[in-house]
């Protein structure tokens, strides 16, 4: 399946904030190549290699694996689905919530956010047939995901660590037309990523939800 990176043409914060009035829809996203430097490409290649096992949820990175400087907000698109955006949920006192500024992410959070894009790419190279079948029959959702990261790797201004620690990734329908692709950055810098098996479970949960909720899949979710 052919994949291409995306760029966001005009995403105002108000149009993408979780829990706010609206979210960017796929038609607001233009296809195009992300402007990555040669150094960024090398960094992304290492991340792709680290997350290539599409059913490994917890990924521990080697020390030389770092995030590209460029924003991961452009995401990726397959023939049937797309991933885009930046959504930080930082779990320490004073951490940002529903924030879309790439520059506001932590070092480990940015690496996990890029790892989410790379995992999406890896899964969509051989997309689950269950996803393709669902999208063919269900027209209320076009396979769009927003890239969300729960980050536990930072500290408060007075050096206090985050509350708790990362435990897993998940997929969640914030509303019928827009789902959340949710990764989690642990205190040690490791990353929990959605898996192919999780995506299959998500499709089943959303199909059941739509069937019992007047065609609306909002609220369906999947995790391990």
N, C-alpha and C. Protein backbone atom coordinates (compact mmCIF):
# COMPACT_ATOMS: atom_id res chain seq x y z
N UNK A 1 0.83 -1.18 0.00
CA UNK A 1 0.00 0.00 0.00
C UNK A 1 0.88 1.25 0.00
N UNK A 2 0.63 2.14 -0.90
CA UNK A 2 1.45 3.33 -1.03
C UNK A 2 1.12 4.32 0.07
N UNK A 3 2.15 4.87 0.69
CA UNK A 3 1.98 5.84 1.75
C UNK A 3 2.65 7.14 1.37
N UNK A 4 2.10 8.25 1.82
CA UNK A 4 2.76 9.54 1.63
C UNK A 4 2.63 10.34 2.90
N UNK A 5 3.64 11.13 3.23
CA UNK A 5 3.55 12.03 4.37
C UNK A 5 2.67 13.21 4.00
N UNK A 6 2.08 13.81 5.03
CA UNK A 6 1.14 14.92 4.83
C UNK A 6 1.69 16.20 5.40
N UNK A 7 1.12 17.33 4.95
CA UNK A 7 1.37 18.55 5.69
C UNK A 7 0.04 19.23 5.97
N UNK A 8 -0.02 19.93 7.09
CA UNK A 8 -1.24 20.60 7.51
C UNK A 8 -1.24 22.01 6.95
N UNK A 9 -2.25 22.33 6.19
CA UNK A 9 -2.26 23.61 5.50
C UNK A 9 -2.79 24.76 6.36
N UNK A 10 -3.80 24.53 7.13
CA UNK A 10 -4.35 25.67 7.90
C UNK A 10 -5.08 25.16 9.12
N UNK A 11 -4.33 24.61 10.07
CA UNK A 11 -4.96 24.08 11.27
C UNK A 11 -4.86 25.10 12.39
N UNK A 12 -5.88 25.85 12.63
CA UNK A 12 -5.91 26.74 13.78
C UNK A 12 -6.10 25.92 15.03
N UNK A 13 -5.55 26.37 16.13
CA UNK A 13 -5.64 25.60 17.37
C UNK A 13 -7.08 25.33 17.75
N UNK A 14 -7.95 26.30 17.54
CA UNK A 14 -9.35 26.10 17.93
C UNK A 14 -10.02 25.02 17.12
N UNK A 15 -9.52 24.74 15.95
CA UNK A 15 -10.17 23.75 15.09
C UNK A 15 -9.73 22.35 15.37
N UNK A 16 -8.67 22.17 16.19
CA UNK A 16 -8.20 20.82 16.45
C UNK A 16 -8.17 20.46 17.91
N UNK A 17 -8.48 21.37 18.80
CA UNK A 17 -8.35 21.09 20.23
C UNK A 17 -9.30 20.00 20.67
N UNK A 18 -8.79 19.08 21.47
CA UNK A 18 -9.63 18.03 22.02
C UNK A 18 -10.57 18.64 23.03
N UNK A 19 -11.85 18.32 22.90
CA UNK A 19 -12.83 18.85 23.82
C UNK A 19 -13.30 20.24 23.46
N UNK A 20 -12.76 20.85 22.41
CA UNK A 20 -13.23 22.17 21.99
C UNK A 20 -14.35 22.02 20.98
N UNK A 21 -14.70 23.09 20.33
CA UNK A 21 -15.90 23.10 19.51
C UNK A 21 -15.80 22.30 18.24
N UNK A 22 -14.59 22.19 17.66
CA UNK A 22 -14.50 21.53 16.37
C UNK A 22 -13.15 20.86 16.23
N UNK A 23 -13.08 19.95 15.25
CA UNK A 23 -11.80 19.31 14.94
C UNK A 23 -11.61 19.34 13.44
N UNK A 24 -10.36 19.40 13.03
CA UNK A 24 -10.08 19.45 11.60
C UNK A 24 -10.52 18.16 10.94
N UNK A 25 -11.18 18.28 9.84
CA UNK A 25 -11.61 17.12 9.07
C UNK A 25 -10.62 16.84 7.96
N UNK A 26 -10.64 15.62 7.39
CA UNK A 26 -9.66 15.27 6.37
C UNK A 26 -9.61 16.21 5.18
N UNK A 27 -10.73 16.83 4.82
CA UNK A 27 -10.70 17.72 3.67
C UNK A 27 -9.87 18.98 3.94
N UNK A 28 -9.57 19.25 5.23
CA UNK A 28 -8.75 20.40 5.56
C UNK A 28 -7.25 20.08 5.52
N UNK A 29 -6.93 18.85 5.18
CA UNK A 29 -5.55 18.40 5.15
C UNK A 29 -5.12 18.20 3.70
N UNK A 30 -4.03 18.83 3.30
CA UNK A 30 -3.54 18.70 1.93
C UNK A 30 -2.40 17.70 1.86
N UNK A 31 -2.36 16.90 0.83
CA UNK A 31 -1.29 15.93 0.65
C UNK A 31 -0.02 16.62 0.16
N UNK A 32 1.09 16.11 0.61
CA UNK A 32 2.37 16.67 0.19
C UNK A 32 3.50 16.04 0.96
N UNK A 33 4.70 16.23 0.54
CA UNK A 33 5.85 15.66 1.21
C UNK A 33 6.29 16.55 2.36
N UNK A 34 6.51 15.92 3.51
CA UNK A 34 7.06 16.64 4.65
C UNK A 34 8.47 17.13 4.30
N UNK A 35 8.78 18.34 4.73
CA UNK A 35 10.08 18.92 4.43
C UNK A 35 11.09 18.48 5.50
N UNK A 36 11.63 17.29 5.35
CA UNK A 36 12.60 16.74 6.28
C UNK A 36 14.01 16.93 5.75
N UNK A 37 14.92 17.30 6.63
CA UNK A 37 16.32 17.40 6.24
C UNK A 37 16.90 15.99 6.12
N UNK A 38 18.09 15.90 5.57
CA UNK A 38 18.76 14.61 5.46
C UNK A 38 18.99 14.01 6.85
N UNK A 39 19.35 14.87 7.80
CA UNK A 39 19.56 14.39 9.18
C UNK A 39 18.25 13.87 9.77
N UNK A 40 17.14 14.60 9.52
CA UNK A 40 15.84 14.16 10.00
C UNK A 40 15.46 12.80 9.40
N UNK A 41 15.72 12.63 8.12
CA UNK A 41 15.42 11.36 7.44
C UNK A 41 16.17 10.21 8.09
N UNK A 42 17.42 10.45 8.46
CA UNK A 42 18.21 9.40 9.11
C UNK A 42 17.64 9.07 10.48
N UNK A 43 17.22 10.09 11.20
CA UNK A 43 16.62 9.86 12.51
C UNK A 43 15.30 9.09 12.39
N UNK A 44 14.49 9.47 11.41
CA UNK A 44 13.21 8.81 11.20
C UNK A 44 13.41 7.36 10.78
N UNK A 45 14.45 7.08 10.02
CA UNK A 45 14.74 5.70 9.60
C UNK A 45 15.01 4.82 10.82
N UNK A 46 15.72 5.35 11.81
CA UNK A 46 16.00 4.59 13.02
C UNK A 46 14.72 4.34 13.82
N UNK A 47 13.85 5.34 13.87
CA UNK A 47 12.58 5.18 14.57
C UNK A 47 11.73 4.13 13.86
N UNK A 48 11.67 4.19 12.55
CA UNK A 48 10.89 3.20 11.79
C UNK A 48 11.39 1.79 12.06
N UNK A 49 12.70 1.63 12.12
CA UNK A 49 13.26 0.31 12.39
C UNK A 49 12.88 -0.18 13.79
N UNK A 50 12.85 0.74 14.75
CA UNK A 50 12.54 0.37 16.13
C UNK A 50 11.09 -0.05 16.32
N UNK A 51 10.18 0.46 15.49
CA UNK A 51 8.74 0.21 15.70
C UNK A 51 8.13 -0.68 14.61
N UNK A 52 8.97 -1.37 13.85
CA UNK A 52 8.47 -2.12 12.69
C UNK A 52 7.64 -3.34 13.06
N UNK A 53 7.79 -3.86 14.27
CA UNK A 53 6.94 -4.97 14.72
C UNK A 53 5.59 -4.39 15.07
N UNK A 54 4.60 -4.59 14.22
CA UNK A 54 3.32 -3.89 14.36
C UNK A 54 2.48 -4.37 15.53
N UNK A 55 2.90 -5.42 16.21
CA UNK A 55 2.17 -5.86 17.40
C UNK A 55 3.00 -5.76 18.66
N UNK A 56 4.07 -4.98 18.63
CA UNK A 56 4.85 -4.68 19.83
C UNK A 56 4.36 -3.35 20.37
N UNK A 57 3.62 -3.39 21.45
CA UNK A 57 3.05 -2.16 22.00
C UNK A 57 4.11 -1.33 22.72
N UNK A 58 4.95 -1.95 23.53
CA UNK A 58 5.93 -1.23 24.33
C UNK A 58 7.29 -1.27 23.64
N UNK A 59 7.77 -0.11 23.24
CA UNK A 59 9.03 -0.01 22.51
C UNK A 59 10.05 0.73 23.37
N UNK A 60 11.21 0.10 23.58
CA UNK A 60 12.33 0.73 24.28
C UNK A 60 13.38 1.08 23.23
N UNK A 61 13.75 2.34 23.16
CA UNK A 61 14.65 2.81 22.11
C UNK A 61 16.10 2.77 22.56
N UNK A 62 16.99 2.54 21.61
CA UNK A 62 18.42 2.69 21.86
C UNK A 62 18.72 4.18 22.06
N UNK A 63 19.81 4.47 22.75
CA UNK A 63 20.14 5.85 23.07
C UNK A 63 20.36 6.72 21.84
N UNK A 64 20.77 6.11 20.73
CA UNK A 64 21.05 6.91 19.54
C UNK A 64 19.82 7.18 18.69
N UNK A 65 18.64 6.74 19.15
CA UNK A 65 17.40 6.98 18.42
C UNK A 65 16.75 8.25 18.97
N UNK A 66 16.72 9.29 18.16
CA UNK A 66 16.16 10.57 18.57
C UNK A 66 15.15 11.07 17.54
N UNK A 67 14.34 12.02 17.95
CA UNK A 67 13.29 12.54 17.07
C UNK A 67 13.84 13.52 16.06
N UNK A 68 13.27 13.54 14.84
CA UNK A 68 13.59 14.61 13.89
C UNK A 68 13.24 15.96 14.49
N UNK A 69 13.92 17.01 14.05
CA UNK A 69 13.60 18.35 14.52
C UNK A 69 12.25 18.83 13.99
N UNK A 70 11.90 18.38 12.80
CA UNK A 70 10.64 18.79 12.18
C UNK A 70 9.44 18.22 12.93
N UNK A 71 8.33 18.92 12.88
CA UNK A 71 7.10 18.47 13.54
C UNK A 71 6.57 17.20 12.90
N UNK A 72 6.00 16.34 13.73
CA UNK A 72 5.34 15.13 13.24
C UNK A 72 3.89 15.40 12.84
N UNK A 73 3.46 16.66 12.93
CA UNK A 73 2.06 16.98 12.70
C UNK A 73 1.54 16.65 11.32
N UNK A 74 2.42 16.56 10.34
CA UNK A 74 1.98 16.23 8.99
C UNK A 74 1.50 14.80 8.87
N UNK A 75 2.00 13.93 9.75
CA UNK A 75 1.49 12.58 9.81
C UNK A 75 1.75 11.73 8.59
N UNK A 76 0.78 10.90 8.24
CA UNK A 76 0.91 9.99 7.11
C UNK A 76 -0.47 9.60 6.60
N UNK A 77 -0.50 9.18 5.35
CA UNK A 77 -1.77 8.76 4.75
C UNK A 77 -1.57 7.45 4.00
N UNK A 78 -2.52 6.55 4.14
CA UNK A 78 -2.55 5.34 3.32
C UNK A 78 -3.71 5.47 2.34
N UNK A 79 -3.98 4.43 1.59
CA UNK A 79 -5.09 4.48 0.64
C UNK A 79 -6.43 4.62 1.33
N UNK A 80 -6.51 4.18 2.60
CA UNK A 80 -7.80 4.18 3.27
C UNK A 80 -7.87 5.02 4.54
N UNK A 81 -6.73 5.35 5.14
CA UNK A 81 -6.75 6.04 6.43
C UNK A 81 -5.68 7.12 6.49
N UNK A 82 -5.80 8.01 7.49
CA UNK A 82 -4.82 9.07 7.65
C UNK A 82 -4.56 9.33 9.13
N UNK A 83 -3.37 9.84 9.40
CA UNK A 83 -2.96 10.24 10.75
C UNK A 83 -2.33 11.61 10.63
N UNK A 84 -2.70 12.54 11.52
CA UNK A 84 -2.15 13.88 11.43
C UNK A 84 -2.27 14.57 12.79
N UNK A 85 -1.60 15.70 12.92
CA UNK A 85 -1.77 16.54 14.10
C UNK A 85 -0.75 16.28 15.20
N UNK A 86 -0.82 17.14 16.22
CA UNK A 86 0.00 17.05 17.43
C UNK A 86 -0.91 17.38 18.61
N UNK A 87 -0.98 16.49 19.58
CA UNK A 87 -1.84 16.70 20.74
C UNK A 87 -1.09 16.23 21.99
N UNK A 88 -0.56 17.17 22.76
CA UNK A 88 0.20 16.82 23.97
C UNK A 88 -0.71 16.80 25.19
N UNK A 89 -0.59 15.72 25.99
CA UNK A 89 -1.21 15.64 27.30
C UNK A 89 -0.11 15.28 28.29
N UNK A 90 0.43 16.30 28.94
CA UNK A 90 1.60 16.14 29.80
C UNK A 90 1.15 15.94 31.24
N UNK A 91 1.61 14.87 31.87
CA UNK A 91 1.03 14.37 33.11
C UNK A 91 1.69 14.84 34.39
N UNK A 92 2.55 15.84 34.31
CA UNK A 92 3.16 16.37 35.52
C UNK A 92 2.50 17.70 35.88
N UNK A 93 2.66 18.13 37.11
CA UNK A 93 2.06 19.39 37.55
C UNK A 93 2.55 20.54 36.66
N UNK A 94 1.60 21.27 36.10
CA UNK A 94 1.93 22.37 35.21
C UNK A 94 2.14 21.95 33.77
N UNK A 95 2.03 20.65 33.49
CA UNK A 95 2.17 20.17 32.12
C UNK A 95 1.01 20.62 31.25
N UNK A 96 1.24 20.69 29.96
CA UNK A 96 0.22 21.16 29.03
C UNK A 96 -0.81 20.07 28.73
N UNK A 97 -2.01 20.49 28.40
CA UNK A 97 -3.09 19.56 28.09
C UNK A 97 -3.79 20.01 26.82
N UNK A 98 -3.99 19.06 25.89
CA UNK A 98 -4.62 19.37 24.60
C UNK A 98 -3.87 20.50 23.90
N UNK A 99 -2.56 20.42 23.93
CA UNK A 99 -1.71 21.45 23.33
C UNK A 99 -1.20 20.97 21.98
N UNK A 100 -1.17 21.85 20.98
CA UNK A 100 -0.83 21.45 19.62
C UNK A 100 0.48 22.04 19.11
N UNK A 101 1.27 22.63 20.02
CA UNK A 101 2.53 23.21 19.60
C UNK A 101 3.66 22.20 19.64
N UNK A 102 4.22 21.89 18.48
CA UNK A 102 5.32 20.92 18.43
C UNK A 102 6.46 21.34 19.36
N UNK A 103 6.73 22.61 19.41
CA UNK A 103 7.84 23.12 20.22
C UNK A 103 7.62 22.90 21.71
N UNK A 104 6.40 22.61 22.12
CA UNK A 104 6.09 22.42 23.53
C UNK A 104 6.27 20.98 24.01
N UNK A 105 6.61 20.09 23.11
CA UNK A 105 6.80 18.69 23.49
C UNK A 105 8.15 18.47 24.15
N UNK A 106 8.25 17.40 24.93
CA UNK A 106 9.53 17.02 25.53
C UNK A 106 10.37 16.25 24.51
N UNK A 107 11.61 16.02 24.82
CA UNK A 107 12.50 15.26 23.94
C UNK A 107 11.93 13.85 23.72
N UNK A 108 11.54 13.20 24.80
CA UNK A 108 11.00 11.84 24.67
C UNK A 108 9.60 11.85 24.05
N UNK A 109 8.81 12.88 24.39
CA UNK A 109 7.47 12.97 23.82
C UNK A 109 7.51 13.11 22.31
N UNK A 110 8.43 13.94 21.82
CA UNK A 110 8.57 14.11 20.37
C UNK A 110 8.99 12.80 19.70
N UNK A 111 9.87 12.06 20.34
CA UNK A 111 10.29 10.79 19.76
C UNK A 111 9.11 9.82 19.68
N UNK A 112 8.29 9.80 20.74
CA UNK A 112 7.13 8.90 20.75
C UNK A 112 6.09 9.35 19.72
N UNK A 113 5.92 10.65 19.56
CA UNK A 113 4.98 11.16 18.56
C UNK A 113 5.40 10.75 17.16
N UNK A 114 6.70 10.86 16.85
CA UNK A 114 7.18 10.40 15.55
C UNK A 114 7.07 8.89 15.44
N UNK A 115 7.27 8.18 16.55
CA UNK A 115 7.14 6.73 16.53
C UNK A 115 5.70 6.32 16.20
N UNK A 116 4.73 7.11 16.65
CA UNK A 116 3.34 6.85 16.32
C UNK A 116 3.09 6.95 14.82
N UNK A 117 3.70 7.96 14.20
CA UNK A 117 3.58 8.11 12.75
C UNK A 117 4.21 6.90 12.05
N UNK A 118 5.39 6.51 12.51
CA UNK A 118 6.09 5.37 11.89
C UNK A 118 5.31 4.08 12.09
N UNK A 119 4.69 3.90 13.27
CA UNK A 119 3.88 2.69 13.49
C UNK A 119 2.65 2.69 12.60
N UNK A 120 2.01 3.83 12.45
CA UNK A 120 0.87 3.94 11.54
C UNK A 120 1.28 3.52 10.13
N UNK A 121 2.41 4.04 9.67
CA UNK A 121 2.92 3.68 8.35
C UNK A 121 3.11 2.17 8.23
N UNK A 122 3.75 1.58 9.26
CA UNK A 122 4.06 0.15 9.23
C UNK A 122 2.79 -0.69 9.16
N UNK A 123 1.79 -0.31 9.95
CA UNK A 123 0.52 -1.05 9.93
C UNK A 123 -0.18 -0.91 8.60
N UNK A 124 -0.19 0.29 8.06
CA UNK A 124 -0.95 0.54 6.84
C UNK A 124 -0.27 0.02 5.57
N UNK A 125 0.97 -0.41 5.68
CA UNK A 125 1.59 -1.08 4.53
C UNK A 125 0.85 -2.38 4.21
N UNK A 126 0.23 -2.96 5.23
CA UNK A 126 -0.59 -4.16 5.07
C UNK A 126 -1.80 -3.99 5.98
N UNK A 127 -2.64 -3.04 5.61
CA UNK A 127 -3.77 -2.66 6.45
C UNK A 127 -4.68 -3.86 6.76
N UNK A 128 -5.21 -3.93 7.97
CA UNK A 128 -6.13 -5.02 8.30
C UNK A 128 -7.33 -5.02 7.35
N UNK A 129 -7.69 -6.16 6.80
CA UNK A 129 -8.86 -6.20 5.92
C UNK A 129 -10.13 -5.78 6.65
N UNK A 130 -10.15 -5.97 7.96
CA UNK A 130 -11.31 -5.55 8.74
C UNK A 130 -11.51 -4.04 8.67
N UNK A 131 -10.41 -3.30 8.66
CA UNK A 131 -10.50 -1.84 8.55
C UNK A 131 -11.02 -1.44 7.18
N UNK A 132 -10.47 -2.02 6.14
CA UNK A 132 -10.91 -1.69 4.78
C UNK A 132 -12.38 -2.02 4.58
N UNK A 133 -12.82 -3.17 5.12
CA UNK A 133 -14.22 -3.57 4.97
C UNK A 133 -15.14 -2.61 5.71
N UNK A 134 -14.74 -2.21 6.91
CA UNK A 134 -15.56 -1.30 7.70
C UNK A 134 -15.69 0.06 7.02
N UNK A 135 -14.58 0.57 6.51
CA UNK A 135 -14.61 1.88 5.86
C UNK A 135 -15.41 1.84 4.56
N UNK A 136 -15.45 0.68 3.91
CA UNK A 136 -16.21 0.55 2.68
C UNK A 136 -17.72 0.57 2.94
N UNK A 137 -18.12 0.08 4.11
CA UNK A 137 -19.56 0.00 4.40
C UNK A 137 -20.06 1.11 5.32
N UNK A 138 -19.14 1.76 6.04
CA UNK A 138 -19.54 2.78 7.01
C UNK A 138 -19.01 4.14 6.55
N UNK A 139 -19.91 5.02 6.17
CA UNK A 139 -19.53 6.28 5.54
C UNK A 139 -19.39 7.45 6.51
N UNK A 140 -19.68 7.23 7.79
CA UNK A 140 -19.63 8.33 8.74
C UNK A 140 -18.20 8.63 9.21
N UNK A 141 -17.30 7.70 9.01
CA UNK A 141 -15.89 7.90 9.37
C UNK A 141 -15.04 7.50 8.18
N UNK A 142 -14.06 8.34 7.85
CA UNK A 142 -13.23 8.09 6.68
C UNK A 142 -11.82 7.64 7.04
N UNK A 143 -11.66 7.10 8.23
CA UNK A 143 -10.37 6.54 8.61
C UNK A 143 -9.38 7.57 9.11
N UNK A 144 -9.85 8.74 9.55
CA UNK A 144 -8.94 9.78 10.01
C UNK A 144 -8.65 9.63 11.51
N UNK A 145 -7.36 9.72 11.85
CA UNK A 145 -6.90 9.66 13.24
C UNK A 145 -6.12 10.93 13.57
N UNK A 146 -6.25 11.39 14.81
CA UNK A 146 -5.44 12.51 15.29
C UNK A 146 -4.38 11.97 16.24
N UNK A 147 -3.15 12.48 16.12
CA UNK A 147 -2.00 11.95 16.84
C UNK A 147 -1.90 12.57 18.25
N UNK A 148 -2.20 11.77 19.26
CA UNK A 148 -2.28 12.20 20.66
C UNK A 148 -1.19 11.48 21.44
N UNK A 149 -0.50 12.19 22.34
CA UNK A 149 0.51 11.56 23.18
C UNK A 149 0.32 11.93 24.65
N UNK A 150 0.15 10.89 25.48
CA UNK A 150 0.17 11.06 26.93
C UNK A 150 1.63 10.98 27.36
N UNK A 151 2.16 12.06 27.91
CA UNK A 151 3.59 12.14 28.20
C UNK A 151 3.84 12.22 29.71
N UNK A 152 4.57 11.22 30.22
CA UNK A 152 4.92 11.15 31.64
C UNK A 152 6.41 11.45 31.87
N UNK A 153 7.11 11.89 30.86
CA UNK A 153 8.57 11.96 30.94
C UNK A 153 9.12 13.28 31.48
N UNK A 154 8.26 14.27 31.69
CA UNK A 154 8.72 15.57 32.15
C UNK A 154 8.58 15.75 33.64
N UNK A 155 8.93 16.92 34.11
CA UNK A 155 8.80 17.27 35.53
C UNK A 155 8.22 18.66 35.66
N UNK A 156 7.70 18.94 36.84
CA UNK A 156 7.15 20.26 37.14
C UNK A 156 8.29 21.26 37.31
N UNK A 157 7.95 22.52 37.46
CA UNK A 157 8.96 23.56 37.62
C UNK A 157 9.86 23.32 38.82
N UNK A 158 9.32 22.67 39.86
CA UNK A 158 10.14 22.41 41.04
C UNK A 158 10.74 21.00 41.03
N UNK A 159 10.72 20.36 39.83
CA UNK A 159 11.41 19.08 39.67
C UNK A 159 10.62 17.85 40.05
N UNK A 160 9.33 17.99 40.27
CA UNK A 160 8.52 16.83 40.64
C UNK A 160 8.11 16.04 39.39
N UNK A 161 8.20 14.70 39.46
CA UNK A 161 7.86 13.89 38.29
C UNK A 161 6.35 13.83 38.04
N UNK A 162 6.00 13.20 36.96
CA UNK A 162 4.60 13.07 36.58
C UNK A 162 3.84 12.20 37.57
N UNK A 163 2.54 12.34 37.54
CA UNK A 163 1.67 11.49 38.34
C UNK A 163 1.55 10.13 37.65
N UNK A 164 1.98 9.06 38.32
CA UNK A 164 1.89 7.74 37.71
C UNK A 164 2.91 7.58 36.60
N UNK A 165 2.63 6.61 35.71
CA UNK A 165 3.51 6.36 34.57
C UNK A 165 2.70 5.74 33.45
N UNK A 166 3.26 5.76 32.26
CA UNK A 166 2.56 5.21 31.09
C UNK A 166 2.32 3.71 31.26
N UNK A 167 1.17 3.26 30.81
CA UNK A 167 0.81 1.85 30.92
C UNK A 167 0.41 1.22 29.60
N UNK A 168 0.06 2.04 28.62
CA UNK A 168 -0.36 1.45 27.36
C UNK A 168 -0.89 2.48 26.39
N UNK A 169 -1.06 2.04 25.16
CA UNK A 169 -1.64 2.87 24.10
C UNK A 169 -3.13 2.55 23.99
N UNK A 170 -3.83 3.35 23.21
CA UNK A 170 -5.24 3.06 22.95
C UNK A 170 -5.71 3.81 21.71
N UNK A 171 -6.86 3.40 21.23
CA UNK A 171 -7.55 4.05 20.13
C UNK A 171 -8.93 4.43 20.64
N UNK A 172 -9.38 5.62 20.29
CA UNK A 172 -10.63 6.13 20.85
C UNK A 172 -11.31 7.05 19.86
N UNK A 173 -12.63 6.86 19.71
CA UNK A 173 -13.42 7.73 18.84
C UNK A 173 -13.90 8.93 19.65
N UNK A 174 -13.17 10.04 19.52
CA UNK A 174 -13.57 11.26 20.21
C UNK A 174 -14.94 11.72 19.72
N UNK A 175 -15.13 11.61 18.43
CA UNK A 175 -16.45 11.75 17.85
C UNK A 175 -16.51 10.83 16.64
N UNK A 176 -17.67 10.68 16.05
CA UNK A 176 -17.82 9.71 14.97
C UNK A 176 -16.84 9.95 13.83
N UNK A 177 -16.64 11.18 13.43
CA UNK A 177 -15.82 11.46 12.27
C UNK A 177 -14.34 11.58 12.53
N UNK A 178 -13.92 11.53 13.80
CA UNK A 178 -12.49 11.72 14.10
C UNK A 178 -12.08 10.87 15.28
N UNK A 179 -11.11 9.99 15.04
CA UNK A 179 -10.60 9.10 16.08
C UNK A 179 -9.24 9.58 16.57
N UNK A 180 -8.86 9.14 17.76
CA UNK A 180 -7.58 9.49 18.37
C UNK A 180 -6.64 8.29 18.36
N UNK A 181 -5.45 8.51 17.86
CA UNK A 181 -4.38 7.50 17.82
C UNK A 181 -3.47 7.84 19.00
N UNK A 182 -3.63 7.14 20.11
CA UNK A 182 -3.05 7.59 21.38
C UNK A 182 -1.85 6.74 21.79
N UNK A 183 -0.70 7.39 21.82
CA UNK A 183 0.52 6.77 22.32
C UNK A 183 0.79 7.29 23.73
N UNK A 184 1.76 6.67 24.41
CA UNK A 184 2.11 7.12 25.76
C UNK A 184 3.62 7.06 25.95
N UNK A 185 4.18 8.15 26.45
CA UNK A 185 5.61 8.23 26.72
C UNK A 185 5.85 7.99 28.20
N UNK A 186 6.64 6.97 28.51
CA UNK A 186 6.92 6.62 29.90
C UNK A 186 8.02 7.51 30.48
N UNK A 187 8.16 7.48 31.79
CA UNK A 187 9.18 8.28 32.46
C UNK A 187 10.58 7.94 31.97
N UNK A 188 10.80 6.67 31.61
CA UNK A 188 12.13 6.26 31.15
C UNK A 188 12.37 6.53 29.67
N UNK A 189 11.40 7.15 29.00
CA UNK A 189 11.55 7.49 27.59
C UNK A 189 11.06 6.43 26.64
N UNK A 190 10.67 5.28 27.15
CA UNK A 190 10.09 4.26 26.28
C UNK A 190 8.70 4.70 25.83
N UNK A 191 8.13 3.98 24.89
CA UNK A 191 6.91 4.45 24.24
C UNK A 191 5.93 3.30 24.04
N UNK A 192 4.68 3.55 24.37
CA UNK A 192 3.60 2.60 24.10
C UNK A 192 2.86 3.06 22.85
N UNK A 193 2.71 2.16 21.88
CA UNK A 193 2.14 2.51 20.58
C UNK A 193 0.95 1.63 20.23
N UNK A 194 -0.03 2.17 19.50
CA UNK A 194 -1.10 1.32 18.99
C UNK A 194 -0.53 0.19 18.14
N UNK A 195 -1.19 -0.94 18.19
CA UNK A 195 -0.75 -2.12 17.44
C UNK A 195 -1.78 -2.50 16.37
N UNK A 196 -1.38 -3.37 15.49
CA UNK A 196 -2.30 -3.84 14.46
C UNK A 196 -3.45 -4.61 15.08
N UNK A 197 -3.15 -5.44 16.06
CA UNK A 197 -4.21 -6.18 16.75
C UNK A 197 -5.18 -5.23 17.43
N UNK A 198 -4.67 -4.17 18.03
CA UNK A 198 -5.51 -3.16 18.67
C UNK A 198 -6.42 -2.48 17.64
N UNK A 199 -5.89 -2.23 16.45
CA UNK A 199 -6.70 -1.59 15.41
C UNK A 199 -7.83 -2.51 14.96
N UNK A 200 -7.56 -3.80 14.85
CA UNK A 200 -8.62 -4.75 14.50
C UNK A 200 -9.70 -4.75 15.57
N UNK A 201 -9.29 -4.74 16.84
CA UNK A 201 -10.26 -4.70 17.94
C UNK A 201 -11.05 -3.40 17.92
N UNK A 202 -10.38 -2.32 17.55
CA UNK A 202 -11.04 -1.03 17.47
C UNK A 202 -12.13 -1.03 16.41
N UNK A 203 -11.83 -1.58 15.28
CA UNK A 203 -12.83 -1.66 14.21
C UNK A 203 -14.05 -2.44 14.68
N UNK A 204 -13.82 -3.57 15.36
CA UNK A 204 -14.93 -4.38 15.85
C UNK A 204 -15.76 -3.61 16.87
N UNK A 205 -15.07 -2.88 17.78
CA UNK A 205 -15.78 -2.11 18.80
C UNK A 205 -16.59 -0.97 18.18
N UNK A 206 -16.03 -0.33 17.19
CA UNK A 206 -16.73 0.80 16.55
C UNK A 206 -17.90 0.32 15.71
N UNK A 207 -17.74 -0.82 15.08
CA UNK A 207 -18.84 -1.39 14.30
C UNK A 207 -20.01 -1.73 15.21
N UNK A 208 -19.69 -2.33 16.36
CA UNK A 208 -20.74 -2.67 17.32
C UNK A 208 -21.38 -1.42 17.91
N UNK A 209 -20.56 -0.43 18.19
CA UNK A 209 -21.07 0.82 18.75
C UNK A 209 -22.02 1.50 17.78
N UNK A 210 -21.64 1.57 16.51
CA UNK A 210 -22.49 2.21 15.51
C UNK A 210 -23.82 1.47 15.36
N UNK A 211 -23.75 0.14 15.43
CA UNK A 211 -24.97 -0.67 15.26
C UNK A 211 -25.95 -0.46 16.40
N UNK A 212 -25.44 -0.10 17.58
CA UNK A 212 -26.32 0.04 18.75
C UNK A 212 -26.57 1.49 19.14
N UNK A 213 -26.04 2.43 18.34
CA UNK A 213 -26.10 3.84 18.72
C UNK A 213 -26.54 4.72 17.55
N UNK A 214 -27.56 4.27 16.84
CA UNK A 214 -28.12 5.04 15.73
C UNK A 214 -27.08 5.44 14.70
N UNK A 215 -26.13 4.57 14.44
CA UNK A 215 -25.13 4.80 13.41
C UNK A 215 -23.94 5.62 13.86
N UNK A 216 -23.89 6.06 15.12
CA UNK A 216 -22.78 6.86 15.63
C UNK A 216 -21.78 5.96 16.36
N UNK A 217 -20.49 6.06 15.99
CA UNK A 217 -19.47 5.23 16.64
C UNK A 217 -18.74 5.98 17.76
N UNK A 218 -19.09 7.23 18.00
CA UNK A 218 -18.43 8.04 19.02
C UNK A 218 -18.39 7.29 20.35
N UNK A 219 -17.21 7.26 20.97
CA UNK A 219 -17.06 6.60 22.27
C UNK A 219 -16.45 5.21 22.21
N UNK A 220 -16.39 4.60 21.03
CA UNK A 220 -15.79 3.27 20.96
C UNK A 220 -14.29 3.39 21.19
N UNK A 221 -13.66 2.35 21.71
CA UNK A 221 -12.24 2.39 21.99
C UNK A 221 -11.66 0.98 22.01
N UNK A 222 -10.33 0.93 22.00
CA UNK A 222 -9.63 -0.35 22.10
C UNK A 222 -8.29 -0.11 22.77
N UNK A 223 -7.90 -1.04 23.61
CA UNK A 223 -6.59 -1.07 24.23
C UNK A 223 -6.29 -2.53 24.51
N UNK A 224 -5.09 -2.85 24.93
CA UNK A 224 -4.78 -4.26 25.19
C UNK A 224 -5.51 -4.77 26.42
